[in-house]
Amino acid sequence: MMIKLFKENKIGCINIVRRQEQVDLLMNSGSEYVLNSNDPDFDKKLVALTTKFGASVALEAVSGEMPGHILNALPRKGVLI
């Protein structure tokens, strides 16, 4: 639902998943930017995309260690919800 909503409103969306099958599923569903958090260069790719798009807000629904990765990739005063 979020991907569709963002697309309809022309808002860029960086998706983070845990498995390659999920990457493939989202890419085949029209998502443009999907990162696998288990890739060795995940943090580097996340920083590159957040910088490229000027991302300053992130939505996180799972918790665990991921919020730290996301906050490190967001600019100063970025918001994690």
PDB file of N, CA and C in Angstrom:
ATOM      1  N   MET A   1       0.821  -1.196   0.000  1.00  0.00           N
ATOM      2  CA  MET A   1       0.000   0.000   0.000  1.00  0.00           C
ATOM      3  C   MET A   1       0.863   1.257   0.000  1.00  0.00           C
ATOM      4  N   MET A   2       1.930   1.254   0.806  1.00  0.00           N
ATOM      5  CA  MET A   2       2.788   2.436   0.895  1.00  0.00           C
ATOM      6  C   MET A   2       3.460   2.716  -0.450  1.00  0.00           C
ATOM      7  N   ILE A   3       3.935   1.677  -1.100  1.00  0.00           N
ATOM      8  CA  ILE A   3       4.609   1.855  -2.385  1.00  0.00           C
ATOM      9  C   ILE A   3       3.648   2.489  -3.390  1.00  0.00           C
ATOM     10  N   LYS A   4       2.431   1.976  -3.439  1.00  0.00           N
ATOM     11  CA  LYS A   4       1.428   2.510  -4.359  1.00  0.00           C
ATOM     12  C   LYS A   4       1.102   3.963  -4.024  1.00  0.00           C
ATOM     13  N   LEU A   5       0.912   4.258  -2.759  1.00  0.00           N
ATOM     14  CA  LEU A   5       0.598   5.613  -2.314  1.00  0.00           C
ATOM     15  C   LEU A   5       1.729   6.579  -2.668  1.00  0.00           C
ATOM     16  N   PHE A   6       2.960   6.174  -2.423  1.00  0.00           N
ATOM     17  CA  PHE A   6       4.101   7.028  -2.734  1.00  0.00           C
ATOM     18  C   PHE A   6       4.195   7.265  -4.240  1.00  0.00           C
ATOM     19  N   LYS A   7       4.010   6.204  -5.010  1.00  0.00           N
ATOM     20  CA  LYS A   7       4.093   6.327  -6.470  1.00  0.00           C
ATOM     21  C   LYS A   7       3.032   7.286  -7.006  1.00  0.00           C
ATOM     22  N   GLU A   8       1.807   7.141  -6.531  1.00  0.00           N
ATOM     23  CA  GLU A   8       0.711   7.999  -6.983  1.00  0.00           C
ATOM     24  C   GLU A   8       0.977   9.466  -6.676  1.00  0.00           C
ATOM     25  N   ASN A   9       1.715   9.729  -5.601  1.00  0.00           N
ATOM     26  CA  ASN A   9       1.990  11.103  -5.191  1.00  0.00           C
ATOM     27  C   ASN A   9       3.390  11.564  -5.586  1.00  0.00           C
ATOM     28  N   LYS A  10       4.052  10.752  -6.437  1.00  0.00           N
ATOM     29  CA  LYS A  10       5.388  11.083  -6.949  1.00  0.00           C
ATOM     30  C   LYS A  10       6.397  11.353  -5.833  1.00  0.00           C
ATOM     31  N   ILE A  11       6.346  10.493  -4.808  1.00  0.00           N
ATOM     32  CA  ILE A  11       7.280  10.562  -3.691  1.00  0.00           C
ATOM     33  C   ILE A  11       8.230   9.378  -3.818  1.00  0.00           C
ATOM     34  N   GLY A  12       9.510   9.655  -3.794  1.00  0.00           N
ATOM     35  CA  GLY A  12      10.501   8.585  -3.885  1.00  0.00           C
ATOM     36  C   GLY A  12      10.433   7.676  -2.670  1.00  0.00           C
ATOM     37  N   CYS A  13      10.728   6.407  -2.880  1.00  0.00           N
ATOM     38  CA  CYS A  13      10.628   5.424  -1.805  1.00  0.00           C
ATOM     39  C   CYS A  13      11.795   4.445  -1.902  1.00  0.00           C
ATOM     40  N   ILE A  14      12.574   4.367  -0.839  1.00  0.00           N
ATOM     41  CA  ILE A  14      13.658   3.390  -0.748  1.00  0.00           C
ATOM     42  C   ILE A  14      13.142   2.268   0.137  1.00  0.00           C
ATOM     43  N   ASN A  15      13.034   1.079  -0.427  1.00  0.00           N
ATOM     44  CA  ASN A  15      12.516  -0.075   0.304  1.00  0.00           C
ATOM     45  C   ASN A  15      13.670  -0.909   0.834  1.00  0.00           C
ATOM     46  N   ILE A  16      13.539  -1.391   2.067  1.00  0.00           N
ATOM     47  CA  ILE A  16      14.558  -2.241   2.677  1.00  0.00           C
ATOM     48  C   ILE A  16      13.906  -3.565   3.042  1.00  0.00           C
ATOM     49  N   VAL A  17      14.496  -4.639   2.559  1.00  0.00           N
ATOM     50  CA  VAL A  17      14.001  -5.989   2.848  1.00  0.00           C
ATOM     51  C   VAL A  17      15.165  -6.850   3.335  1.00  0.00           C
ATOM     52  N   ARG A  18      14.854  -8.080   3.734  1.00  0.00           N
ATOM     53  CA  ARG A  18      15.875  -8.953   4.319  1.00  0.00           C
ATOM     54  C   ARG A  18      16.345 -10.084   3.416  1.00  0.00           C
ATOM     55  N   ARG A  19      15.627 -10.359   2.350  1.00  0.00           N
ATOM     56  CA  ARG A  19      15.977 -11.499   1.494  1.00  0.00           C
ATOM     57  C   ARG A  19      15.896 -11.115   0.021  1.00  0.00           C
ATOM     58  N   GLN A  20      16.692 -11.779  -0.793  1.00  0.00           N
ATOM     59  CA  GLN A  20      16.722 -11.507  -2.228  1.00  0.00           C
ATOM     60  C   GLN A  20      15.367 -11.763  -2.878  1.00  0.00           C
ATOM     61  N   GLU A  21      14.639 -12.764  -2.389  1.00  0.00           N
ATOM     62  CA  GLU A  21      13.310 -13.045  -2.955  1.00  0.00           C
ATOM     63  C   GLU A  21      12.402 -11.823  -2.797  1.00  0.00           C
ATOM     64  N   GLN A  22      12.540 -11.117  -1.680  1.00  0.00           N
ATOM     65  CA  GLN A  22      11.725  -9.930  -1.444  1.00  0.00           C
ATOM     66  C   GLN A  22      12.156  -8.783  -2.366  1.00  0.00           C
ATOM     67  N   VAL A  23      13.461  -8.694  -2.621  1.00  0.00           N
ATOM     68  CA  VAL A  23      13.961  -7.692  -3.569  1.00  0.00           C
ATOM     69  C   VAL A  23      13.318  -7.938  -4.923  1.00  0.00           C
ATOM     70  N   ASP A  24      13.385  -9.179  -5.382  1.00  0.00           N
ATOM     71  CA  ASP A  24      12.830  -9.546  -6.689  1.00  0.00           C
ATOM     72  C   ASP A  24      11.332  -9.264  -6.750  1.00  0.00           C
ATOM     73  N   LEU A  25      10.607  -9.614  -5.703  1.00  0.00           N
ATOM     74  CA  LEU A  25       9.161  -9.407  -5.655  1.00  0.00           C
ATOM     75  C   LEU A  25       8.811  -7.928  -5.776  1.00  0.00           C
ATOM     76  N   LEU A  26       9.489  -7.089  -5.001  1.00  0.00           N
ATOM     77  CA  LEU A  26       9.189  -5.659  -5.049  1.00  0.00           C
ATOM     78  C   LEU A  26       9.602  -5.027  -6.373  1.00  0.00           C
ATOM     79  N   MET A  27      10.749  -5.435  -6.900  1.00  0.00           N
ATOM     80  CA  MET A  27      11.196  -4.899  -8.186  1.00  0.00           C
ATOM     81  C   MET A  27      10.212  -5.285  -9.290  1.00  0.00           C
ATOM     82  N   ASN A  28       9.719  -6.517  -9.247  1.00  0.00           N
ATOM     83  CA  ASN A  28       8.747  -6.979 -10.242  1.00  0.00           C
ATOM     84  C   ASN A  28       7.383  -6.317 -10.056  1.00  0.00           C
ATOM     85  N   SER A  29       7.153  -5.749  -8.871  1.00  0.00           N
ATOM     86  CA  SER A  29       5.891  -5.064  -8.588  1.00  0.00           C
ATOM     87  C   SER A  29       5.969  -3.573  -8.885  1.00  0.00           C
ATOM     88  N   GLY A  30       7.111  -3.118  -9.398  1.00  0.00           N
ATOM     89  CA  GLY A  30       7.227  -1.723  -9.787  1.00  0.00           C
ATOM     90  C   GLY A  30       8.046  -0.839  -8.865  1.00  0.00           C
ATOM     91  N   SER A  31       8.575  -1.395  -7.786  1.00  0.00           N
ATOM     92  CA  SER A  31       9.431  -0.592  -6.905  1.00  0.00           C
ATOM     93  C   SER A  31      10.735  -0.298  -7.622  1.00  0.00           C
ATOM     94  N   GLU A  32      11.200   0.923  -7.469  1.00  0.00           N
ATOM     95  CA  GLU A  32      12.397   1.321  -8.182  1.00  0.00           C
ATOM     96  C   GLU A  32      13.666   1.110  -7.361  1.00  0.00           C
ATOM     97  N   TYR A  33      13.580   1.325  -6.044  1.00  0.00           N
ATOM     98  CA  TYR A  33      14.752   1.234  -5.183  1.00  0.00           C
ATOM     99  C   TYR A  33      14.487   0.249  -4.045  1.00  0.00           C
ATOM    100  N   VAL A  34      15.141  -0.899  -4.104  1.00  0.00           N
ATOM    101  CA  VAL A  34      14.969  -1.927  -3.093  1.00  0.00           C
ATOM    102  C   VAL A  34      16.351  -2.395  -2.659  1.00  0.00           C
ATOM    103  N   LEU A  35      16.603  -2.345  -1.362  1.00  0.00           N
ATOM    104  CA  LEU A  35      17.882  -2.784  -0.817  1.00  0.00           C
ATOM    105  C   LEU A  35      17.692  -4.003   0.069  1.00  0.00           C
ATOM    106  N   ASN A  36      18.633  -4.923  -0.014  1.00  0.00           N
ATOM    107  CA  ASN A  36      18.638  -6.101   0.844  1.00  0.00           C
ATOM    108  C   ASN A  36      19.552  -5.797   2.025  1.00  0.00           C
ATOM    109  N   SER A  37      18.990  -5.774   3.231  1.00  0.00           N
ATOM    110  CA  SER A  37      19.765  -5.410   4.418  1.00  0.00           C
ATOM    111  C   SER A  37      20.865  -6.413   4.737  1.00  0.00           C
ATOM    112  N   ASN A  38      20.834  -7.576   4.114  1.00  0.00           N
ATOM    113  CA  ASN A  38      21.873  -8.583   4.347  1.00  0.00           C
ATOM    114  C   ASN A  38      23.024  -8.491   3.353  1.00  0.00           C
ATOM    115  N   ASP A  39      22.946  -7.585   2.392  1.00  0.00           N
ATOM    116  CA  ASP A  39      24.061  -7.390   1.463  1.00  0.00           C
ATOM    117  C   ASP A  39      25.233  -6.759   2.210  1.00  0.00           C
ATOM    118  N   PRO A  40      26.457  -7.157   1.894  1.00  0.00           N
ATOM    119  CA  PRO A  40      27.618  -6.603   2.603  1.00  0.00           C
ATOM    120  C   PRO A  40      27.777  -5.092   2.440  1.00  0.00           C
ATOM    121  N   ASP A  41      27.301  -4.539   1.354  1.00  0.00           N
ATOM    122  CA  ASP A  41      27.432  -3.097   1.130  1.00  0.00           C
ATOM    123  C   ASP A  41      26.113  -2.347   1.348  1.00  0.00           C
ATOM    124  N   PHE A  42      25.231  -2.924   2.157  1.00  0.00           N
ATOM    125  CA  PHE A  42      23.916  -2.337   2.412  1.00  0.00           C
ATOM    126  C   PHE A  42      24.016  -0.895   2.922  1.00  0.00           C
ATOM    127  N   ASP A  43      24.818  -0.667   3.966  1.00  0.00           N
ATOM    128  CA  ASP A  43      24.906   0.673   4.554  1.00  0.00           C
ATOM    129  C   ASP A  43      25.399   1.689   3.532  1.00  0.00           C
ATOM    130  N   LYS A  44      26.375   1.308   2.736  1.00  0.00           N
ATOM    131  CA  LYS A  44      26.927   2.207   1.710  1.00  0.00           C
ATOM    132  C   LYS A  44      25.849   2.563   0.681  1.00  0.00           C
ATOM    133  N   LYS A  45      25.084   1.564   0.231  1.00  0.00           N
ATOM    134  CA  LYS A  45      24.011   1.811  -0.739  1.00  0.00           C
ATOM    135  C   LYS A  45      22.911   2.678  -0.144  1.00  0.00           C
ATOM    136  N   LEU A  46      22.585   2.438   1.127  1.00  0.00           N
ATOM    137  CA  LEU A  46      21.533   3.217   1.786  1.00  0.00           C
ATOM    138  C   LEU A  46      21.949   4.682   1.907  1.00  0.00           C
ATOM    139  N   VAL A  47      23.168   4.930   2.324  1.00  0.00           N
ATOM    140  CA  VAL A  47      23.664   6.306   2.421  1.00  0.00           C
ATOM    141  C   VAL A  47      23.658   6.962   1.043  1.00  0.00           C
ATOM    142  N   ALA A  48      24.084   6.229   0.023  1.00  0.00           N
ATOM    143  CA  ALA A  48      24.119   6.789  -1.332  1.00  0.00           C
ATOM    144  C   ALA A  48      22.722   7.202  -1.799  1.00  0.00           C
ATOM    145  N   LEU A  49      21.718   6.355  -1.551  1.00  0.00           N
ATOM    146  CA  LEU A  49      20.356   6.684  -1.980  1.00  0.00           C
ATOM    147  C   LEU A  49      19.745   7.814  -1.163  1.00  0.00           C
ATOM    148  N   THR A  50      19.944   7.799   0.152  1.00  0.00           N
ATOM    149  CA  THR A  50      19.372   8.882   0.958  1.00  0.00           C
ATOM    150  C   THR A  50      20.008  10.218   0.591  1.00  0.00           C
ATOM    151  N   THR A  51      21.291  10.191   0.272  1.00  0.00           N
ATOM    152  CA  THR A  51      21.982  11.415  -0.148  1.00  0.00           C
ATOM    153  C   THR A  51      21.480  11.870  -1.520  1.00  0.00           C
ATOM    154  N   LYS A  52      21.375  10.924  -2.448  1.00  0.00           N
ATOM    155  CA  LYS A  52      20.929  11.242  -3.805  1.00  0.00           C
ATOM    156  C   LYS A  52      19.557  11.913  -3.806  1.00  0.00           C
ATOM    157  N   PHE A  53      18.660  11.413  -2.976  1.00  0.00           N
ATOM    158  CA  PHE A  53      17.292  11.915  -2.977  1.00  0.00           C
ATOM    159  C   PHE A  53      17.012  12.947  -1.890  1.00  0.00           C
ATOM    160  N   GLY A  54      17.980  13.216  -1.054  1.00  0.00           N
ATOM    161  CA  GLY A  54      17.747  14.164   0.033  1.00  0.00           C
ATOM    162  C   GLY A  54      16.716  13.648   1.018  1.00  0.00           C
ATOM    163  N   ALA A  55      16.690  12.340   1.212  1.00  0.00           N
ATOM    164  CA  ALA A  55      15.710  11.728   2.118  1.00  0.00           C
ATOM    165  C   ALA A  55      15.932  12.235   3.535  1.00  0.00           C
ATOM    166  N   SER A  56      14.868  12.649   4.192  1.00  0.00           N
ATOM    167  CA  SER A  56      14.982  13.141   5.561  1.00  0.00           C
ATOM    168  C   SER A  56      13.954  12.509   6.497  1.00  0.00           C
ATOM    169  N   VAL A  57      13.103  11.639   5.957  1.00  0.00           N
ATOM    170  CA  VAL A  57      12.083  10.961   6.754  1.00  0.00           C
ATOM    171  C   VAL A  57      12.103   9.484   6.400  1.00  0.00           C
ATOM    172  N   ALA A  58      12.033   8.638   7.435  1.00  0.00           N
ATOM    173  CA  ALA A  58      11.997   7.191   7.217  1.00  0.00           C
ATOM    174  C   ALA A  58      10.882   6.574   8.052  1.00  0.00           C
ATOM    175  N   LEU A  59      10.236   5.578   7.496  1.00  0.00           N
ATOM    176  CA  LEU A  59       9.211   4.814   8.204  1.00  0.00           C
ATOM    177  C   LEU A  59       9.789   3.436   8.493  1.00  0.00           C
ATOM    178  N   GLU A  60       9.755   3.005   9.744  1.00  0.00           N
ATOM    179  CA  GLU A  60      10.318   1.714  10.146  1.00  0.00           C
ATOM    180  C   GLU A  60       9.268   0.962  10.943  1.00  0.00           C
ATOM    181  N   ALA A  61       8.939  -0.253  10.509  1.00  0.00           N
ATOM    182  CA  ALA A  61       7.876  -1.004  11.162  1.00  0.00           C
ATOM    183  C   ALA A  61       8.347  -2.260  11.874  1.00  0.00           C
ATOM    184  N   VAL A  62       9.633  -2.585  11.772  1.00  0.00           N
ATOM    185  CA  VAL A  62      10.093  -3.863  12.308  1.00  0.00           C
ATOM    186  C   VAL A  62      10.904  -3.711  13.589  1.00  0.00           C
ATOM    187  N   SER A  63      11.754  -2.718  13.692  1.00  0.00           N
ATOM    188  CA  SER A  63      12.612  -2.455  14.850  1.00  0.00           C
ATOM    189  C   SER A  63      13.876  -3.298  14.796  1.00  0.00           C
ATOM    190  N   GLY A  64      14.416  -3.683  15.938  1.00  0.00           N
ATOM    191  CA  GLY A  64      15.681  -4.411  15.960  1.00  0.00           C
ATOM    192  C   GLY A  64      16.844  -3.469  15.714  1.00  0.00           C
ATOM    193  N   GLU A  65      17.810  -3.899  14.917  1.00  0.00           N
ATOM    194  CA  GLU A  65      18.999  -3.099  14.625  1.00  0.00           C
ATOM    195  C   GLU A  65      18.785  -2.105  13.479  1.00  0.00           C
ATOM    196  N   MET A  66      17.759  -2.297  12.690  1.00  0.00           N
ATOM    197  CA  MET A  66      17.549  -1.475  11.496  1.00  0.00           C
ATOM    198  C   MET A  66      17.412   0.021  11.781  1.00  0.00           C
ATOM    199  N   PRO A  67      16.729   0.454  12.837  1.00  0.00           N
ATOM    200  CA  PRO A  67      16.638   1.896  13.068  1.00  0.00           C
ATOM    201  C   PRO A  67      18.004   2.574  13.152  1.00  0.00           C
ATOM    202  N   GLY A  68      18.989   1.921  13.731  1.00  0.00           N
ATOM    203  CA  GLY A  68      20.325   2.493  13.809  1.00  0.00           C
ATOM    204  C   GLY A  68      20.942   2.681  12.437  1.00  0.00           C
ATOM    205  N   HIS A  69      20.778   1.691  11.554  1.00  0.00           N
ATOM    206  CA  HIS A  69      21.291   1.800  10.190  1.00  0.00           C
ATOM    207  C   HIS A  69      20.621   2.968   9.456  1.00  0.00           C
ATOM    208  N   ILE A  70      19.320   3.065   9.632  1.00  0.00           N
ATOM    209  CA  ILE A  70      18.566   4.115   8.948  1.00  0.00           C
ATOM    210  C   ILE A  70      18.964   5.497   9.472  1.00  0.00           C
ATOM    211  N   LEU A  71      19.049   5.634  10.783  1.00  0.00           N
ATOM    212  CA  LEU A  71      19.412   6.934  11.352  1.00  0.00           C
ATOM    213  C   LEU A  71      20.813   7.357  10.924  1.00  0.00           C
ATOM    214  N   ASN A  72      21.713   6.407  10.791  1.00  0.00           N
ATOM    215  CA  ASN A  72      23.062   6.731  10.311  1.00  0.00           C
ATOM    216  C   ASN A  72      23.061   7.211   8.860  1.00  0.00           C
ATOM    217  N   ALA A  73      22.074   6.797   8.107  1.00  0.00           N
ATOM    218  CA  ALA A  73      22.002   7.175   6.681  1.00  0.00           C
ATOM    219  C   ALA A  73      21.267   8.488   6.462  1.00  0.00           C
ATOM    220  N   LEU A  74      20.404   8.868   7.403  1.00  0.00           N
ATOM    221  CA  LEU A  74      19.643  10.108   7.262  1.00  0.00           C
ATOM    222  C   LEU A  74      20.512  11.315   7.613  1.00  0.00           C
ATOM    223  N   PRO A  75      20.186  12.461   7.035  1.00  0.00           N
ATOM    224  CA  PRO A  75      20.945  13.667   7.368  1.00  0.00           C
ATOM    225  C   PRO A  75      20.649  14.122   8.786  1.00  0.00           C
ATOM    226  N   ARG A  76      21.453  15.029   9.281  1.00  0.00           N
ATOM    227  CA  ARG A  76      21.219  15.607  10.608  1.00  0.00           C
ATOM    228  C   ARG A  76      19.798  16.163  10.634  1.00  0.00           C
ATOM    229  N   LYS A  77      19.111  15.956  11.711  1.00  0.00           N
ATOM    230  CA  LYS A  77      17.710  16.354  11.899  1.00  0.00           C
ATOM    231  C   LYS A  77      16.748  15.511  11.079  1.00  0.00           C
ATOM    232  N   GLY A  78      17.222  14.383  10.536  1.00  0.00           N
ATOM    233  CA  GLY A  78      16.323  13.452   9.856  1.00  0.00           C
ATOM    234  C   GLY A  78      15.369  12.843  10.873  1.00  0.00           C
ATOM    235  N   VAL A  79      14.232  12.378  10.399  1.00  0.00           N
ATOM    236  CA  VAL A  79      13.190  11.858  11.285  1.00  0.00           C
ATOM    237  C   VAL A  79      12.929  10.389  10.959  1.00  0.00           C
ATOM    238  N   LEU A  80      12.901   9.577  11.999  1.00  0.00           N
ATOM    239  CA  LEU A  80      12.549   8.159  11.863  1.00  0.00           C
ATOM    240  C   LEU A  80      11.245   7.926  12.595  1.00  0.00           C
ATOM    241  N   ILE A  81      10.261   7.431  11.858  1.00  0.00           N
ATOM    242  CA  ILE A  81       8.932   7.169  12.446  1.00  0.00           C
ATOM    243  C   ILE A  81       8.768   5.668  12.535  1.00  0.00           C
TER     244      ILE A  81
END
